[in-house]
Amino acid sequence: MRVFLDANILFSAAKSDGAGRSLVRLLVERGHECCADAYVVAEARRNLQAKGAQAVHVLDALLPHLRLAAAVPPASAPSAELGWLPEKDRPMLAAAIRLRCDVLVTGDRTHFGAGFGRSFGGVTVHSPRSLAERLFA
């Protein structure tokens, strides 16, 4: 399965050795292709530098295990697919669609919560818990 990791997932995986890191580790170990783009990586890096600069090296160690893509404006995805999201969050879903991911995993319940369990452009939006339950339960 191809899984797009949102910036908050990368942030969590780098910041602490908790559930976020465990989820990413399991995905990689079980052969799932984990994806991100430059927009997501830059956001995760920016947040780590502001809230936990000591963890930037963990993010850098994680990146070689991901399929990384260049950032592209979300205009390539149909507006109906993205219109329910705030503009700042649209690049994540657009990238997941562009990279033909099966899943977008995000901990952003505020902005993505309405989309949890729904599919947009072939990408199903999951919380970390719902993805873990689906794949590893």
C-alpha atoms as a PDB file:
ATOM      1  CA  MET A   1       0.000   0.000   0.000  1.00  0.00           C
ATOM      2  CA  ARG A   2       1.215   3.493  -0.788  1.00  0.00           C
ATOM      3  CA  VAL A   3       0.777   5.811   2.231  1.00  0.00           C
ATOM      4  CA  PHE A   4       1.185   9.584   2.162  1.00  0.00           C
ATOM      5  CA  LEU A   5       2.468  10.926   5.487  1.00  0.00           C
ATOM      6  CA  ASP A   6       1.195  14.367   6.515  1.00  0.00           C
ATOM      7  CA  ALA A   7       3.579  16.858   8.124  1.00  0.00           C
ATOM      8  CA  ASN A   8       2.216  16.232  11.604  1.00  0.00           C
ATOM      9  CA  ILE A   9       2.953  12.522  11.234  1.00  0.00           C
ATOM     10  CA  LEU A  10       6.554  13.284  10.263  1.00  0.00           C
ATOM     11  CA  PHE A  11       6.777  15.797  13.119  1.00  0.00           C
ATOM     12  CA  SER A  12       5.471  13.260  15.649  1.00  0.00           C
ATOM     13  CA  ALA A  13       7.718  10.495  14.357  1.00  0.00           C
ATOM     14  CA  ALA A  14      10.765  12.743  14.728  1.00  0.00           C
ATOM     15  CA  LYS A  15       9.842  14.505  17.980  1.00  0.00           C
ATOM     16  CA  SER A  16       9.269  11.491  20.226  1.00  0.00           C
ATOM     17  CA  ASP A  17       9.710   7.754  20.260  1.00  0.00           C
ATOM     18  CA  GLY A  18       5.962   7.204  20.593  1.00  0.00           C
ATOM     19  CA  ALA A  19       2.993   6.099  18.527  1.00  0.00           C
ATOM     20  CA  GLY A  20       3.856   8.237  15.477  1.00  0.00           C
ATOM     21  CA  ARG A  21       7.335   6.789  15.167  1.00  0.00           C
ATOM     22  CA  SER A  22       6.019   3.283  15.797  1.00  0.00           C
ATOM     23  CA  LEU A  23       3.423   3.673  13.035  1.00  0.00           C
ATOM     24  CA  VAL A  24       5.988   4.854  10.495  1.00  0.00           C
ATOM     25  CA  ARG A  25       8.407   2.110  11.546  1.00  0.00           C
ATOM     26  CA  LEU A  26       5.704  -0.560  11.131  1.00  0.00           C
ATOM     27  CA  LEU A  27       4.660   0.777   7.745  1.00  0.00           C
ATOM     28  CA  VAL A  28       8.232   0.671   6.458  1.00  0.00           C
ATOM     29  CA  GLU A  29       9.028  -2.721   8.031  1.00  0.00           C
ATOM     30  CA  ARG A  30       5.909  -4.306   6.549  1.00  0.00           C
ATOM     31  CA  GLY A  31       6.758  -3.113   3.045  1.00  0.00           C
ATOM     32  CA  HIS A  32       4.306  -0.255   2.627  1.00  0.00           C
ATOM     33  CA  GLU A  33       5.589   2.589   0.504  1.00  0.00           C
ATOM     34  CA  CYS A  34       5.615   5.753   2.615  1.00  0.00           C
ATOM     35  CA  CYS A  35       5.481   8.985   0.638  1.00  0.00           C
ATOM     36  CA  ALA A  36       5.864  12.688   1.315  1.00  0.00           C
ATOM     37  CA  ASP A  37       6.626  15.735  -0.751  1.00  0.00           C
ATOM     38  CA  ALA A  38       8.872  18.741  -0.265  1.00  0.00           C
ATOM     39  CA  TYR A  39       5.970  20.843   1.061  1.00  0.00           C
ATOM     40  CA  VAL A  40       5.230  18.365   3.849  1.00  0.00           C
ATOM     41  CA  VAL A  41       8.898  17.865   4.725  1.00  0.00           C
ATOM     42  CA  ALA A  42       9.457  21.639   4.884  1.00  0.00           C
ATOM     43  CA  GLU A  43       6.443  22.082   7.179  1.00  0.00           C
ATOM     44  CA  ALA A  44       7.576  19.268   9.483  1.00  0.00           C
ATOM     45  CA  ARG A  45      11.118  20.676   9.572  1.00  0.00           C
ATOM     46  CA  ARG A  46       9.875  24.220  10.285  1.00  0.00           C
ATOM     47  CA  ASN A  47       7.699  22.988  13.167  1.00  0.00           C
ATOM     48  CA  LEU A  48      10.522  20.879  14.599  1.00  0.00           C
ATOM     49  CA  GLN A  49      12.919  23.817  14.491  1.00  0.00           C
ATOM     50  CA  ALA A  50      10.379  25.891  16.416  1.00  0.00           C
ATOM     51  CA  LYS A  51       9.291  23.241  18.921  1.00  0.00           C
ATOM     52  CA  GLY A  52      12.089  20.700  19.201  1.00  0.00           C
ATOM     53  CA  ALA A  53      15.172  21.499  17.139  1.00  0.00           C
ATOM     54  CA  GLN A  54      17.052  18.575  18.716  1.00  0.00           C
ATOM     55  CA  ALA A  55      14.743  16.228  16.756  1.00  0.00           C
ATOM     56  CA  VAL A  56      15.586  17.551  13.272  1.00  0.00           C
ATOM     57  CA  HIS A  57      18.320  14.907  12.968  1.00  0.00           C
ATOM     58  CA  VAL A  58      15.684  12.191  13.565  1.00  0.00           C
ATOM     59  CA  LEU A  59      13.603  13.597  10.693  1.00  0.00           C
ATOM     60  CA  ASP A  60      16.710  13.627   8.492  1.00  0.00           C
ATOM     61  CA  ALA A  61      17.355   9.953   9.363  1.00  0.00           C
ATOM     62  CA  LEU A  62      13.757   9.048   8.518  1.00  0.00           C
ATOM     63  CA  LEU A  63      13.652  10.708   5.086  1.00  0.00           C
ATOM     64  CA  PRO A  64      15.765   8.123   3.191  1.00  0.00           C
ATOM     65  CA  HIS A  65      13.076   5.534   4.020  1.00  0.00           C
ATOM     66  CA  LEU A  66      10.390   7.572   2.240  1.00  0.00           C
ATOM     67  CA  ARG A  67       9.535   8.164  -1.369  1.00  0.00           C
ATOM     68  CA  LEU A  68      10.016  11.926  -1.651  1.00  0.00           C
ATOM     69  CA  ALA A  69       8.532  14.070  -4.394  1.00  0.00           C
ATOM     70  CA  ALA A  70       8.791  17.699  -5.362  1.00  0.00           C
ATOM     71  CA  ALA A  71       6.063  20.026  -4.156  1.00  0.00           C
ATOM     72  CA  VAL A  72       3.519  21.014  -6.784  1.00  0.00           C
ATOM     73  CA  PRO A  73       0.624  23.483  -6.431  1.00  0.00           C
ATOM     74  CA  PRO A  74      -2.690  21.736  -5.685  1.00  0.00           C
ATOM     75  CA  ALA A  75      -4.308  23.033  -8.875  1.00  0.00           C
ATOM     76  CA  SER A  76      -3.701  19.652 -10.533  1.00  0.00           C
ATOM     77  CA  ALA A  77      -6.392  18.016  -8.371  1.00  0.00           C
ATOM     78  CA  PRO A  78     -10.073  18.666  -9.112  1.00  0.00           C
ATOM     79  CA  SER A  79     -11.349  21.513  -6.927  1.00  0.00           C
ATOM     80  CA  ALA A  80     -14.282  19.393  -5.734  1.00  0.00           C
ATOM     81  CA  GLU A  81     -11.751  16.980  -4.242  1.00  0.00           C
ATOM     82  CA  LEU A  82     -10.023  19.748  -2.258  1.00  0.00           C
ATOM     83  CA  GLY A  83     -12.717  22.355  -1.654  1.00  0.00           C
ATOM     84  CA  TRP A  84     -13.700  21.034   1.783  1.00  0.00           C
ATOM     85  CA  LEU A  85     -10.183  21.641   3.132  1.00  0.00           C
ATOM     86  CA  PRO A  86      -8.662  24.942   4.243  1.00  0.00           C
ATOM     87  CA  GLU A  87      -6.323  26.245   1.553  1.00  0.00           C
ATOM     88  CA  LYS A  88      -3.168  25.608   3.620  1.00  0.00           C
ATOM     89  CA  ASP A  89      -4.024  21.880   3.883  1.00  0.00           C
ATOM     90  CA  ARG A  90      -4.906  21.304   0.243  1.00  0.00           C
ATOM     91  CA  PRO A  91      -1.312  20.661  -0.891  1.00  0.00           C
ATOM     92  CA  MET A  92      -1.167  17.510   1.271  1.00  0.00           C
ATOM     93  CA  LEU A  93      -4.223  15.870  -0.255  1.00  0.00           C
ATOM     94  CA  ALA A  94      -3.267  17.105  -3.730  1.00  0.00           C
ATOM     95  CA  ALA A  95       0.170  15.506  -3.363  1.00  0.00           C
ATOM     96  CA  ALA A  96      -1.321  12.219  -2.152  1.00  0.00           C
ATOM     97  CA  ILE A  97      -3.622  12.190  -5.188  1.00  0.00           C
ATOM     98  CA  ARG A  98      -0.788  13.131  -7.554  1.00  0.00           C
ATOM     99  CA  LEU A  99       1.459  10.382  -6.166  1.00  0.00           C
ATOM    100  CA  ARG A 100      -1.381   7.842  -6.525  1.00  0.00           C
ATOM    101  CA  CYS A 101      -1.330   6.993  -2.845  1.00  0.00           C
ATOM    102  CA  ASP A 102      -3.961   4.701  -1.423  1.00  0.00           C
ATOM    103  CA  VAL A 103      -4.025   6.507   1.901  1.00  0.00           C
ATOM    104  CA  LEU A 104      -3.278   9.906   3.446  1.00  0.00           C
ATOM    105  CA  VAL A 105      -2.551   9.568   7.155  1.00  0.00           C
ATOM    106  CA  THR A 106      -2.841  12.680   9.301  1.00  0.00           C
ATOM    107  CA  GLY A 107      -3.326  13.553  12.917  1.00  0.00           C
ATOM    108  CA  ASP A 108      -5.007  16.836  11.966  1.00  0.00           C
ATOM    109  CA  ARG A 109      -8.524  16.077  13.171  1.00  0.00           C
ATOM    110  CA  THR A 110      -9.509  19.765  13.037  1.00  0.00           C
ATOM    111  CA  HIS A 111      -9.024  20.161   9.291  1.00  0.00           C
ATOM    112  CA  PHE A 112      -9.084  16.600   7.967  1.00  0.00           C
ATOM    113  CA  GLY A 113     -11.495  15.022  10.458  1.00  0.00           C
ATOM    114  CA  ALA A 114     -14.521  15.491   8.200  1.00  0.00           C
ATOM    115  CA  GLY A 115     -12.689  13.425   5.589  1.00  0.00           C
ATOM    116  CA  PHE A 116     -11.595  10.537   7.819  1.00  0.00           C
ATOM    117  CA  GLY A 117     -12.684   7.276   6.244  1.00  0.00           C
ATOM    118  CA  ARG A 118     -13.665   8.978   2.982  1.00  0.00           C
ATOM    119  CA  SER A 119     -11.907   8.749  -0.357  1.00  0.00           C
ATOM    120  CA  PHE A 120     -10.912  11.717  -2.530  1.00  0.00           C
ATOM    121  CA  GLY A 121      -9.329  11.158  -5.917  1.00  0.00           C
ATOM    122  CA  GLY A 122      -8.639   7.545  -4.940  1.00  0.00           C
ATOM    123  CA  VAL A 123      -6.992   8.490  -1.623  1.00  0.00           C
ATOM    124  CA  THR A 124      -8.657   7.459   1.644  1.00  0.00           C
ATOM    125  CA  VAL A 125      -8.002   9.813   4.563  1.00  0.00           C
ATOM    126  CA  HIS A 126      -7.100   8.092   7.838  1.00  0.00           C
ATOM    127  CA  SER A 127      -6.121   9.068  11.329  1.00  0.00           C
ATOM    128  CA  PRO A 128      -3.057   7.225  12.630  1.00  0.00           C
ATOM    129  CA  ARG A 129      -5.297   5.059  14.809  1.00  0.00           C
ATOM    130  CA  SER A 130      -7.725   4.096  12.024  1.00  0.00           C
ATOM    131  CA  LEU A 131      -4.847   3.234   9.687  1.00  0.00           C
ATOM    132  CA  ALA A 132      -3.130   1.131  12.356  1.00  0.00           C
ATOM    133  CA  GLU A 133      -6.401  -0.672  13.099  1.00  0.00           C
ATOM    134  CA  ARG A 134      -6.952  -1.345   9.414  1.00  0.00           C
ATOM    135  CA  LEU A 135      -3.450  -2.630   8.731  1.00  0.00           C
ATOM    136  CA  PHE A 136      -2.185  -4.179  11.930  1.00  0.00           C
ATOM    137  CA  ALA A 137      -5.181  -5.300  13.996  1.00  0.00           C
END
